[in-house]
N, C-alpha and C. Protein backbone atom coordinates (compact mmCIF):
# COMPACT_ATOMS: atom_id res chain seq x y z
N MET A 1 25.82 -218.16 38.99
CA MET A 1 24.90 -219.26 39.45
C MET A 1 25.45 -220.04 40.59
N ASP A 2 24.58 -220.06 41.37
CA ASP A 2 24.51 -220.82 43.07
C ASP A 2 24.32 -222.15 42.66
N HIS A 3 24.28 -223.19 43.58
CA HIS A 3 24.27 -224.83 43.63
C HIS A 3 23.21 -224.81 43.40
N HIS A 4 21.50 -224.09 43.93
CA HIS A 4 20.39 -224.47 43.35
C HIS A 4 20.34 -224.54 42.01
N ASP A 5 20.87 -223.00 41.55
CA ASP A 5 20.57 -222.78 39.94
C ASP A 5 21.65 -224.12 39.27
N TRP A 6 22.31 -224.44 39.47
CA TRP A 6 23.23 -225.58 38.86
C TRP A 6 22.28 -227.09 39.00
N ASN A 7 21.72 -227.11 40.43
CA ASN A 7 20.71 -228.60 40.33
C ASN A 7 19.64 -228.10 39.36
N ALA A 8 18.99 -227.14 39.41
CA ALA A 8 17.52 -226.66 38.16
C ALA A 8 18.24 -227.06 37.14
N ARG A 9 19.29 -226.25 36.46
CA ARG A 9 19.75 -226.90 35.25
C ARG A 9 20.29 -227.96 35.10
N TYR A 10 20.98 -228.71 35.49
CA TYR A 10 21.05 -230.52 35.67
C TYR A 10 19.38 -230.91 35.39
N ALA A 11 18.87 -230.80 36.43
CA ALA A 11 17.31 -231.43 36.79
C ALA A 11 16.41 -230.94 35.09
N SER A 12 16.64 -229.76 34.61
CA SER A 12 15.97 -229.88 33.36
C SER A 12 15.94 -230.76 32.06
N ARG A 13 17.54 -231.66 32.07
CA ARG A 13 18.02 -232.19 31.09
C ARG A 13 18.87 -233.42 31.35
N GLU A 14 18.31 -234.56 30.35
CA GLU A 14 18.55 -235.60 30.71
C GLU A 14 20.44 -235.53 31.19
N MET A 15 21.03 -234.67 30.30
CA MET A 15 22.56 -234.84 30.49
C MET A 15 22.83 -233.50 29.81
N VAL A 16 23.60 -232.89 30.94
CA VAL A 16 24.03 -230.78 30.23
C VAL A 16 24.59 -231.20 29.18
N TRP A 17 25.66 -231.91 29.80
CA TRP A 17 27.35 -232.08 28.92
C TRP A 17 27.42 -233.24 27.97
N SER A 18 28.01 -233.62 27.68
CA SER A 18 28.66 -235.22 26.83
C SER A 18 29.22 -235.78 27.88
N VAL A 19 28.75 -237.54 27.45
CA VAL A 19 28.84 -238.44 27.91
C VAL A 19 30.44 -238.47 28.42
N GLY A 20 31.35 -238.55 27.09
CA GLY A 20 32.52 -238.80 27.05
C GLY A 20 33.33 -237.63 27.59
N PRO A 21 34.68 -237.68 27.97
CA PRO A 21 35.20 -237.35 28.40
C PRO A 21 35.77 -235.77 27.31
N ASN A 22 36.29 -234.66 28.14
CA ASN A 22 37.12 -233.73 27.82
C ASN A 22 37.60 -233.99 26.49
N GLN A 23 38.01 -233.64 25.42
CA GLN A 23 39.05 -233.82 24.51
C GLN A 23 40.37 -233.58 25.18
N PHE A 24 40.74 -232.77 25.74
CA PHE A 24 41.94 -232.40 26.02
C PHE A 24 42.23 -233.10 27.39
N VAL A 25 41.77 -233.54 28.55
CA VAL A 25 41.95 -234.21 29.03
C VAL A 25 42.08 -236.19 28.72
N ALA A 26 41.41 -236.21 27.74
CA ALA A 26 41.80 -237.42 27.31
C ALA A 26 43.28 -237.17 26.61
N GLN A 27 43.65 -236.37 25.62
CA GLN A 27 44.77 -236.03 24.97
C GLN A 27 45.89 -236.16 26.21
N VAL A 28 45.74 -235.41 27.65
CA VAL A 28 46.88 -235.47 27.94
C VAL A 28 46.89 -236.59 29.17
N VAL A 29 45.28 -237.25 29.72
CA VAL A 29 45.80 -238.21 30.57
C VAL A 29 46.00 -239.70 29.92
N ALA A 30 45.35 -239.92 28.68
CA ALA A 30 45.57 -241.35 28.26
C ALA A 30 46.89 -242.13 28.49
N PRO A 31 48.16 -241.08 27.96
CA PRO A 31 49.39 -241.97 27.93
C PRO A 31 49.51 -242.17 29.74
N LEU A 32 49.07 -241.67 30.48
CA LEU A 32 49.30 -241.54 31.84
C LEU A 32 48.95 -243.32 32.82
N PRO A 33 49.87 -243.77 33.65
CA PRO A 33 49.71 -245.14 34.23
C PRO A 33 48.27 -244.77 35.35
N ALA A 34 47.34 -245.40 35.55
CA ALA A 34 46.50 -245.03 36.61
C ALA A 34 46.93 -244.74 37.94
N GLY A 35 45.80 -244.62 38.64
CA GLY A 35 46.60 -244.02 39.88
C GLY A 35 45.21 -243.21 40.74
N ARG A 36 45.61 -242.62 41.90
CA ARG A 36 44.33 -241.74 42.13
C ARG A 36 44.35 -240.72 41.52
N ALA A 37 42.91 -239.77 41.40
CA ALA A 37 42.38 -238.43 40.97
C ALA A 37 41.91 -237.67 41.41
N LEU A 38 41.61 -236.72 41.48
CA LEU A 38 40.63 -235.64 42.01
C LEU A 38 40.10 -235.00 41.01
N ASP A 39 38.58 -235.03 41.03
CA ASP A 39 38.10 -234.15 39.74
C ASP A 39 37.28 -232.89 40.06
N LEU A 40 37.92 -231.79 40.59
CA LEU A 40 37.13 -230.61 41.00
C LEU A 40 36.15 -230.07 40.09
N ALA A 41 34.77 -229.70 40.50
CA ALA A 41 33.55 -229.15 39.62
C ALA A 41 33.47 -230.12 38.55
N ALA A 42 33.00 -231.70 39.14
CA ALA A 42 33.14 -232.56 38.46
C ALA A 42 31.70 -232.81 37.66
N GLY A 43 30.73 -231.97 37.60
CA GLY A 43 29.75 -232.20 37.27
C GLY A 43 28.65 -233.82 37.19
N GLU A 44 28.56 -233.90 36.04
CA GLU A 44 27.70 -235.25 36.22
C GLU A 44 29.00 -236.48 35.62
N GLY A 45 30.12 -235.97 36.05
CA GLY A 45 31.39 -237.30 36.13
C GLY A 45 31.81 -237.40 34.70
N ARG A 46 31.29 -237.28 33.58
CA ARG A 46 31.97 -237.42 32.13
C ARG A 46 33.29 -237.81 32.62
N ASN A 47 34.04 -236.55 33.00
CA ASN A 47 35.84 -236.81 33.24
C ASN A 47 36.21 -238.13 34.59
N ALA A 48 35.55 -238.22 35.48
CA ALA A 48 35.75 -238.95 36.34
C ALA A 48 35.40 -240.33 36.06
N LEU A 49 34.02 -240.38 35.45
CA LEU A 49 33.92 -241.94 35.12
C LEU A 49 34.97 -242.41 34.06
N TRP A 50 35.59 -241.50 33.33
CA TRP A 50 36.40 -242.07 32.05
C TRP A 50 37.15 -242.61 32.50
N LEU A 51 37.95 -241.60 33.72
CA LEU A 51 38.93 -242.26 34.14
C LEU A 51 39.09 -243.40 35.07
N ALA A 52 38.10 -243.69 35.67
CA ALA A 52 37.52 -244.69 36.75
C ALA A 52 37.77 -246.28 35.86
N GLU A 53 36.77 -246.31 34.52
CA GLU A 53 36.85 -247.26 33.36
C GLU A 53 38.44 -247.52 33.16
N ARG A 54 39.40 -246.59 33.42
CA ARG A 54 40.50 -246.68 33.05
C ARG A 54 41.51 -247.13 33.87
N GLY A 55 40.84 -247.65 35.21
CA GLY A 55 41.57 -248.21 36.33
C GLY A 55 42.40 -246.77 37.55
N TRP A 56 41.33 -245.73 37.44
CA TRP A 56 41.88 -244.67 38.41
C TRP A 56 40.92 -245.02 39.49
N ARG A 57 41.29 -244.72 40.37
CA ARG A 57 40.59 -244.16 41.62
C ARG A 57 40.31 -242.95 41.96
N VAL A 58 39.18 -242.74 41.83
CA VAL A 58 38.73 -240.96 41.59
C VAL A 58 37.98 -240.36 42.71
N THR A 59 38.16 -239.38 43.24
CA THR A 59 37.26 -238.85 43.58
C THR A 59 36.63 -237.77 42.63
N ALA A 60 35.58 -236.98 43.42
CA ALA A 60 34.59 -236.33 42.05
C ALA A 60 34.19 -235.62 43.46
N VAL A 61 34.47 -234.41 43.02
CA VAL A 61 33.56 -233.03 43.49
C VAL A 61 32.55 -232.41 43.07
N ASP A 62 31.49 -231.95 43.65
CA ASP A 62 30.96 -231.30 42.93
C ASP A 62 29.92 -230.40 44.26
N PHE A 63 29.12 -228.96 43.94
CA PHE A 63 28.31 -228.57 44.85
C PHE A 63 27.25 -229.17 44.32
N SER A 64 26.47 -229.61 43.28
CA SER A 64 25.45 -229.62 42.25
C SER A 64 25.16 -231.33 43.03
N GLU A 65 23.93 -231.55 43.65
CA GLU A 65 23.57 -232.97 44.50
C GLU A 65 23.03 -233.58 43.37
N VAL A 66 22.27 -232.83 42.31
CA VAL A 66 21.50 -233.61 41.11
C VAL A 66 22.62 -233.85 40.05
N ALA A 67 23.56 -233.29 40.16
CA ALA A 67 24.45 -233.60 39.43
C ALA A 67 25.37 -235.22 39.65
N LEU A 68 25.74 -235.07 40.88
CA LEU A 68 26.32 -236.52 41.50
C LEU A 68 25.33 -237.51 41.51
N GLY A 69 24.35 -237.25 41.99
CA GLY A 69 23.86 -238.29 41.66
C GLY A 69 23.62 -239.26 40.02
N ARG A 70 23.25 -237.75 39.30
CA ARG A 70 23.42 -238.50 37.71
C ARG A 70 24.82 -239.24 37.68
N ALA A 71 25.58 -239.02 38.02
CA ALA A 71 27.15 -239.78 37.85
C ALA A 71 27.05 -240.87 38.80
N GLY A 72 26.43 -240.74 40.00
CA GLY A 72 26.38 -242.34 40.95
C GLY A 72 25.61 -243.20 39.97
N GLY A 73 24.36 -242.65 39.86
CA GLY A 73 24.11 -243.45 38.18
C GLY A 73 24.10 -244.09 37.40
N LEU A 74 25.29 -243.13 36.69
CA LEU A 74 25.86 -243.54 35.40
C LEU A 74 27.13 -244.81 36.13
N ALA A 75 27.90 -244.84 37.17
CA ALA A 75 28.64 -245.45 37.62
C ALA A 75 28.41 -246.95 37.96
N ALA A 76 26.98 -246.93 38.79
CA ALA A 76 26.39 -248.18 38.53
C ALA A 76 25.90 -249.44 37.19
N GLU A 77 25.58 -248.50 36.05
CA GLU A 77 25.58 -249.29 35.15
C GLU A 77 27.20 -249.27 34.73
N ARG A 78 28.06 -248.37 34.86
CA ARG A 78 29.32 -248.42 33.82
C ARG A 78 30.78 -249.23 34.31
N LEU A 79 30.61 -248.76 36.17
CA LEU A 79 31.88 -249.50 36.60
C LEU A 79 31.40 -250.94 37.24
N ASP A 80 32.42 -251.78 37.41
CA ASP A 80 31.95 -252.91 38.24
C ASP A 80 33.47 -253.02 39.57
N ARG A 81 33.96 -251.79 39.46
CA ARG A 81 34.55 -251.38 41.14
C ARG A 81 33.72 -250.53 41.85
N PRO A 82 33.08 -250.95 43.37
CA PRO A 82 32.81 -250.04 44.01
C PRO A 82 33.71 -248.87 44.21
N ASP A 83 34.79 -249.20 44.74
CA ASP A 83 36.00 -248.39 45.18
C ASP A 83 36.52 -247.75 44.16
N ALA A 84 36.00 -247.67 42.74
CA ALA A 84 36.27 -246.46 41.75
C ALA A 84 35.86 -245.37 41.66
N LEU A 85 35.24 -244.68 42.65
CA LEU A 85 34.68 -243.73 42.06
C LEU A 85 33.81 -243.14 43.41
N GLU A 86 34.35 -242.26 44.32
CA GLU A 86 34.06 -241.55 45.48
C GLU A 86 33.46 -240.09 45.05
N LEU A 87 32.04 -239.90 45.13
CA LEU A 87 31.38 -238.80 44.84
C LEU A 87 31.13 -237.89 46.41
N VAL A 88 31.45 -236.69 46.17
CA VAL A 88 31.93 -235.77 47.33
C VAL A 88 31.02 -234.56 47.14
N PRO A 89 29.57 -234.15 47.61
CA PRO A 89 28.97 -232.99 47.59
C PRO A 89 29.76 -231.97 48.13
N ALA A 90 30.27 -230.67 47.95
CA ALA A 90 31.09 -229.93 48.57
C ALA A 90 30.78 -228.59 47.57
N ASP A 91 31.10 -227.52 48.04
CA ASP A 91 31.41 -226.16 47.64
C ASP A 91 32.64 -225.84 47.61
N LEU A 92 33.30 -225.75 46.42
CA LEU A 92 34.84 -225.55 46.54
C LEU A 92 35.46 -224.17 47.24
N ALA A 93 34.61 -223.32 47.67
CA ALA A 93 34.79 -222.59 48.21
C ALA A 93 35.03 -222.47 49.53
N GLU A 94 34.97 -224.15 49.84
CA GLU A 94 35.28 -223.87 51.28
C GLU A 94 35.95 -225.66 51.29
N TYR A 95 35.86 -226.47 50.23
CA TYR A 95 36.55 -228.10 50.37
C TYR A 95 38.06 -227.45 50.02
N LEU A 96 38.53 -228.52 51.05
CA LEU A 96 40.03 -228.60 51.20
C LEU A 96 40.39 -229.77 50.85
N PRO A 97 41.19 -229.97 49.73
CA PRO A 97 41.50 -231.51 49.36
C PRO A 97 43.27 -231.69 50.19
N PRO A 98 42.78 -233.22 50.84
CA PRO A 98 44.46 -233.18 51.72
C PRO A 98 45.65 -233.29 50.22
N ALA A 99 46.53 -232.62 50.78
CA ALA A 99 47.58 -232.32 50.77
C ALA A 99 48.61 -233.42 49.93
N ALA A 100 49.23 -233.20 48.60
CA ALA A 100 50.11 -234.11 48.18
C ALA A 100 49.67 -235.64 47.89
N ALA A 101 48.10 -235.86 47.63
CA ALA A 101 47.66 -236.85 47.70
C ALA A 101 47.39 -237.67 46.25
N PHE A 102 47.36 -236.84 45.19
CA PHE A 102 46.61 -237.40 43.95
C PHE A 102 48.13 -237.26 42.79
N ASP A 103 47.49 -238.60 42.57
CA ASP A 103 48.39 -238.52 41.05
C ASP A 103 48.36 -237.55 39.78
N LEU A 104 46.46 -237.27 40.06
CA LEU A 104 45.76 -236.61 38.96
C LEU A 104 44.91 -235.94 39.84
N VAL A 105 45.07 -234.19 39.14
CA VAL A 105 44.06 -233.32 39.70
C VAL A 105 43.69 -232.73 38.06
N LEU A 106 42.37 -232.87 38.08
CA LEU A 106 41.79 -232.17 37.01
C LEU A 106 40.63 -231.31 37.62
N VAL A 107 40.62 -229.71 36.68
CA VAL A 107 39.79 -228.47 36.74
C VAL A 107 39.48 -228.32 35.45
N VAL A 108 38.34 -228.73 35.52
CA VAL A 108 38.22 -228.65 33.65
C VAL A 108 36.61 -227.81 34.09
N TYR A 109 36.62 -226.50 33.26
CA TYR A 109 35.98 -225.70 32.79
C TYR A 109 34.88 -225.12 34.18
N LEU A 110 35.69 -225.08 35.19
CA LEU A 110 35.05 -224.11 36.69
C LEU A 110 35.68 -222.82 36.25
N GLN A 111 34.12 -222.09 35.81
CA GLN A 111 34.65 -220.25 35.70
C GLN A 111 34.19 -219.44 36.52
N VAL A 112 34.68 -219.00 37.13
CA VAL A 112 33.65 -218.47 38.75
C VAL A 112 35.15 -217.36 38.91
N PRO A 113 34.87 -216.24 39.36
CA PRO A 113 35.71 -214.68 39.49
C PRO A 113 37.33 -215.10 40.04
N ALA A 114 37.73 -214.37 39.64
CA ALA A 114 39.47 -214.42 39.83
C ALA A 114 39.70 -215.01 41.47
N GLU A 115 39.43 -214.13 42.41
CA GLU A 115 39.34 -214.25 43.99
C GLU A 115 38.96 -215.85 44.63
N LEU A 116 38.30 -216.37 44.01
CA LEU A 116 37.60 -217.95 44.07
C LEU A 116 38.39 -218.44 43.21
N ARG A 117 39.12 -218.26 42.25
CA ARG A 117 39.25 -219.41 41.36
C ARG A 117 41.07 -219.51 41.99
N ARG A 118 41.64 -218.11 42.33
CA ARG A 118 43.05 -218.58 42.71
C ARG A 118 43.08 -219.56 44.11
N THR A 119 42.09 -219.36 44.75
CA THR A 119 41.63 -219.87 45.66
C THR A 119 41.57 -221.44 45.75
N VAL A 120 40.70 -221.96 44.42
CA VAL A 120 40.81 -223.15 44.28
C VAL A 120 41.70 -223.83 43.62
N LEU A 121 42.28 -223.28 42.65
CA LEU A 121 43.54 -223.98 41.78
C LEU A 121 44.63 -223.99 42.46
N ARG A 122 44.97 -222.89 43.85
CA ARG A 122 46.00 -223.39 44.85
C ARG A 122 46.03 -224.09 45.22
N ARG A 123 44.64 -224.78 46.02
CA ARG A 123 44.37 -226.05 46.79
C ARG A 123 44.51 -227.15 45.64
N ALA A 124 44.26 -227.41 44.43
CA ALA A 124 44.21 -228.31 43.56
C ALA A 124 45.56 -228.72 43.16
N ALA A 125 46.45 -227.35 43.27
CA ALA A 125 47.64 -227.75 42.82
C ALA A 125 48.67 -228.33 44.33
N ASP A 126 48.26 -227.58 45.76
CA ASP A 126 48.72 -228.55 46.47
C ASP A 126 48.46 -229.87 46.91
N ALA A 127 47.12 -230.37 46.08
CA ALA A 127 46.61 -231.92 45.93
C ALA A 127 47.35 -232.95 45.35
N VAL A 128 47.98 -232.39 44.44
CA VAL A 128 48.79 -232.68 43.41
C VAL A 128 50.53 -233.90 44.33
N ALA A 129 50.11 -235.40 44.17
CA ALA A 129 51.45 -235.65 44.78
C ALA A 129 52.85 -235.84 44.00
N PRO A 130 53.67 -235.88 44.69
CA PRO A 130 55.24 -235.99 43.87
C PRO A 130 54.84 -236.54 42.99
N GLY A 131 55.50 -236.34 41.51
CA GLY A 131 55.42 -237.27 39.88
C GLY A 131 54.04 -237.00 39.64
N GLY A 132 53.38 -236.45 40.18
CA GLY A 132 51.45 -236.15 39.66
C GLY A 132 51.41 -234.90 38.63
N ARG A 133 50.30 -234.40 38.23
CA ARG A 133 50.13 -234.18 37.31
C ARG A 133 48.29 -232.91 37.48
N LEU A 134 48.51 -231.31 37.18
CA LEU A 134 47.67 -230.78 37.16
C LEU A 134 47.43 -230.42 35.96
N VAL A 135 45.57 -230.62 35.64
CA VAL A 135 45.45 -230.43 33.99
C VAL A 135 43.98 -229.63 34.75
N VAL A 136 44.28 -228.44 33.88
CA VAL A 136 43.21 -227.28 33.95
C VAL A 136 42.75 -226.82 32.43
N VAL A 137 41.62 -227.07 32.34
CA VAL A 137 41.07 -226.82 30.94
C VAL A 137 39.76 -225.31 31.33
N THR A 138 40.02 -224.53 30.56
CA THR A 138 38.84 -223.40 31.10
C THR A 138 38.62 -222.97 29.48
N HIS A 139 37.43 -222.07 29.09
CA HIS A 139 37.43 -221.23 28.49
C HIS A 139 37.96 -220.09 28.51
N ASP A 140 38.60 -219.70 27.54
CA ASP A 140 39.69 -218.70 27.38
C ASP A 140 38.60 -217.38 27.01
N PRO A 141 39.41 -216.49 27.57
CA PRO A 141 38.91 -214.59 27.49
C PRO A 141 38.57 -214.65 25.66
N ASP A 142 39.56 -215.11 24.81
CA ASP A 142 39.33 -215.08 23.50
C ASP A 142 38.19 -215.57 22.94
N ASN A 143 37.25 -216.46 23.76
CA ASN A 143 36.29 -217.02 23.26
C ASN A 143 35.00 -215.89 22.93
N LEU A 144 34.63 -215.05 23.99
CA LEU A 144 33.81 -213.87 23.82
C LEU A 144 34.15 -213.33 22.69
N THR A 145 35.23 -213.02 21.18
CA THR A 145 35.22 -212.32 20.84
C THR A 145 35.09 -213.12 18.77
N ARG A 146 35.80 -214.53 19.74
CA ARG A 146 35.58 -215.19 18.57
C ARG A 146 36.04 -216.67 18.50
N GLY A 147 35.06 -217.14 19.57
CA GLY A 147 34.59 -218.40 19.65
C GLY A 147 33.56 -218.62 19.65
N TYR A 148 32.72 -219.79 20.39
CA TYR A 148 31.58 -220.40 20.19
C TYR A 148 31.38 -220.67 21.64
N GLY A 149 29.88 -220.73 22.30
CA GLY A 149 29.44 -221.00 23.44
C GLY A 149 30.28 -220.28 25.06
N GLY A 150 30.12 -221.29 25.98
CA GLY A 150 31.09 -220.65 26.55
C GLY A 150 29.89 -219.71 27.72
N PRO A 151 30.34 -219.19 28.71
CA PRO A 151 29.83 -217.98 29.55
C PRO A 151 30.25 -216.54 28.81
N GLY A 152 29.21 -216.03 29.00
CA GLY A 152 29.45 -214.48 28.39
C GLY A 152 29.64 -213.26 29.32
N ASP A 153 30.43 -213.83 30.36
CA ASP A 153 31.20 -212.98 31.55
C ASP A 153 32.05 -213.19 31.09
N PRO A 154 33.36 -211.72 31.06
CA PRO A 154 34.15 -211.82 30.99
C PRO A 154 35.47 -212.12 32.77
N ASP A 155 34.56 -211.63 33.71
CA ASP A 155 34.78 -211.70 34.87
C ASP A 155 35.25 -213.47 35.05
N VAL A 156 34.06 -214.58 34.59
CA VAL A 156 34.64 -215.36 34.92
C VAL A 156 35.59 -216.34 33.53
N LEU A 157 36.22 -215.41 32.61
CA LEU A 157 36.76 -216.37 31.59
C LEU A 157 38.93 -216.09 32.39
N TYR A 158 39.47 -216.91 31.63
CA TYR A 158 40.87 -216.74 32.03
C TYR A 158 41.48 -217.95 31.19
N SER A 159 42.82 -217.53 31.09
CA SER A 159 44.01 -217.84 30.17
C SER A 159 44.75 -218.59 30.67
N ALA A 160 45.67 -219.32 29.78
CA ALA A 160 46.26 -220.90 30.46
C ALA A 160 47.62 -219.33 30.92
N ALA A 161 48.18 -218.55 31.16
CA ALA A 161 49.04 -217.59 31.91
C ALA A 161 48.53 -216.96 32.90
N ASP A 162 46.81 -216.94 33.07
CA ASP A 162 46.64 -216.51 34.79
C ASP A 162 46.37 -217.72 34.86
N VAL A 163 46.20 -219.25 34.90
CA VAL A 163 46.17 -220.45 35.72
C VAL A 163 48.13 -220.45 36.27
N ALA A 164 48.56 -220.31 34.89
CA ALA A 164 50.24 -220.37 35.81
C ALA A 164 50.31 -219.39 36.84
N ALA A 165 49.89 -218.23 36.62
CA ALA A 165 50.22 -217.06 37.74
C ALA A 165 49.63 -217.03 38.72
N ASP A 166 48.58 -218.16 39.52
CA ASP A 166 48.00 -218.63 40.28
C ASP A 166 48.81 -219.45 41.14
N VAL A 167 48.89 -220.34 40.27
CA VAL A 167 49.83 -221.29 40.89
C VAL A 167 51.28 -221.18 40.67
N ALA A 168 52.01 -220.41 40.68
CA ALA A 168 53.53 -220.16 40.25
C ALA A 168 54.17 -220.57 41.14
N ASP A 169 53.99 -220.36 42.76
CA ASP A 169 54.74 -220.49 44.14
C ASP A 169 54.51 -222.30 44.10
N CYS A 170 53.46 -222.93 43.52
CA CYS A 170 53.07 -223.97 44.33
C CYS A 170 53.82 -225.09 44.19
N GLY A 171 55.39 -224.96 43.49
CA GLY A 171 56.20 -225.83 42.94
C GLY A 171 55.97 -226.87 42.13
N LEU A 172 55.12 -226.17 41.34
CA LEU A 172 54.94 -227.37 40.15
C LEU A 172 56.03 -227.18 38.59
N THR A 173 56.03 -227.85 38.14
CA THR A 173 56.85 -227.63 36.62
C THR A 173 56.04 -227.54 35.69
N VAL A 174 55.27 -226.70 34.83
CA VAL A 174 54.62 -226.61 33.61
C VAL A 174 55.39 -226.80 32.85
N LEU A 175 54.34 -227.98 32.04
CA LEU A 175 54.56 -228.67 30.84
C LEU A 175 53.80 -228.05 29.52
N ARG A 176 52.51 -227.40 29.75
CA ARG A 176 51.96 -226.83 28.97
C ARG A 176 50.61 -225.64 29.30
N ALA A 177 51.05 -224.39 28.57
CA ALA A 177 50.30 -223.44 29.12
C ALA A 177 49.96 -222.69 28.13
N GLU A 178 48.71 -223.20 27.02
CA GLU A 178 48.48 -222.50 25.87
C GLU A 178 47.17 -222.20 25.48
N GLN A 179 46.82 -221.58 24.58
CA GLN A 179 45.33 -221.63 24.00
C GLN A 179 45.19 -222.81 22.91
N VAL A 180 43.74 -222.94 22.79
CA VAL A 180 43.56 -224.30 21.97
C VAL A 180 41.91 -224.25 21.45
N THR A 181 42.03 -224.98 20.69
CA THR A 181 40.28 -224.83 20.27
C THR A 181 40.08 -226.44 19.81
N ARG A 182 38.64 -226.10 19.90
CA ARG A 182 37.63 -227.37 19.70
C ARG A 182 36.57 -227.28 18.97
N ASP A 183 36.09 -228.48 17.86
CA ASP A 183 34.92 -228.34 17.55
C ASP A 183 33.92 -228.42 17.90
N VAL A 184 32.55 -227.24 17.77
CA VAL A 184 31.73 -227.73 18.43
C VAL A 184 30.69 -227.99 17.49
N PRO A 185 29.58 -229.05 17.97
CA PRO A 185 28.89 -229.83 16.35
C PRO A 185 27.43 -228.72 17.10
N THR A 186 27.04 -228.40 15.60
CA THR A 186 25.76 -227.18 16.21
C THR A 186 24.47 -227.60 14.87
N ASP A 187 23.18 -227.42 15.00
CA ASP A 187 22.46 -227.40 14.20
C ASP A 187 22.92 -226.89 12.50
N ALA A 188 23.77 -225.38 12.87
CA ALA A 188 24.00 -225.15 11.38
C ALA A 188 25.44 -225.07 11.28
N GLY A 189 25.78 -226.51 11.92
CA GLY A 189 27.47 -226.71 11.27
C GLY A 189 28.46 -226.84 12.56
N SER A 190 29.36 -227.02 12.16
CA SER A 190 30.80 -226.68 13.21
C SER A 190 31.08 -225.58 13.55
N ARG A 191 31.08 -225.46 14.43
CA ARG A 191 31.94 -224.00 15.28
C ARG A 191 32.81 -224.29 16.04
N THR A 192 33.87 -223.18 16.60
CA THR A 192 34.80 -223.35 17.19
C THR A 192 34.91 -222.70 18.51
N ALA A 193 35.38 -223.36 19.15
CA ALA A 193 35.42 -222.78 20.70
C ALA A 193 36.95 -222.51 21.36
N VAL A 194 37.00 -221.31 21.50
CA VAL A 194 38.62 -221.43 22.03
C VAL A 194 38.69 -221.10 23.64
N ASP A 195 39.15 -222.58 23.47
CA ASP A 195 39.64 -222.41 25.37
C ASP A 195 41.21 -222.40 25.82
N ALA A 196 41.72 -222.71 26.67
CA ALA A 196 42.63 -222.34 27.51
C ALA A 196 43.07 -224.22 28.10
N LEU A 197 44.68 -224.61 28.00
CA LEU A 197 44.77 -225.52 28.62
C LEU A 197 46.00 -225.66 29.24
N PHE A 198 46.52 -226.06 30.51
CA PHE A 198 47.59 -225.85 31.24
C PHE A 198 47.53 -227.06 32.22
N VAL A 199 48.90 -227.74 31.53
CA VAL A 199 49.33 -229.06 32.32
C VAL A 199 50.51 -228.88 33.28
N ALA A 200 50.59 -229.00 34.61
CA ALA A 200 51.99 -228.60 35.36
C ALA A 200 52.16 -230.19 36.04
N ARG A 201 53.42 -230.56 36.16
CA ARG A 201 54.06 -231.88 36.97
C ARG A 201 54.58 -231.29 38.14
N ARG A 202 54.05 -232.34 39.36
CA ARG A 202 54.79 -231.75 40.81
C ARG A 202 56.24 -232.80 40.31
N PRO A 203 57.58 -232.35 40.47
CA PRO A 203 58.57 -233.02 40.78
C PRO A 203 58.67 -234.36 41.70
N ALA A 204 59.15 -235.43 40.80
CA ALA A 204 59.19 -236.57 41.74
C ALA A 204 60.35 -236.45 42.85
N VAL A 205 59.88 -237.25 44.04
CA VAL A 205 60.89 -236.97 44.85
C VAL A 205 62.11 -237.67 44.62
N ALA A 206 63.37 -237.47 44.84
CA ALA A 206 64.10 -237.82 44.44
C ALA A 206 64.58 -239.59 45.43
N GLY A 207 65.34 -240.43 44.54
CA GLY A 207 66.06 -241.27 45.64
C GLY A 207 64.84 -242.22 45.76
């Protein structure tokens, strides 16, 4: 799907994704002190807004103007600090974040082919400041056979091991790289989705 398709998808529904943060993002980030965060493929801003409400200064990047417009509307309702959230309309195939500038970089459900994925993830890793973290959540390939929801194209699914390989020489220390599951409520009852979670930290500068 290109950005026109995503614009149409976002425009067709009041909210495409849930209002609250991704559960794994919340689990990993809640104990961290607030700082500067970068949310790549931010969509309607559910993770970015949650971070901003917790005191983070967040740059949210997405190629859907409709999604970012919705995030801006929610920010006007929910945030009392005008500098808490910066919305950047950009295609991640071209967007180059500043190096070593963010205490937290999120890439949540960016489901793209491997070549583009590697480019984005390496740029994301390079954007992590000393002492900062990279958090990646994705639909795992096993979701196709034993999970619920997510894309049906295996070419855009990847595992935590794939993420680890993509950023192996980016100077990060891997903290978590594992398959995880989450409950998805449906009209027919709760279903289980199979995701991948990758968390890495750039070592702090000595002294």
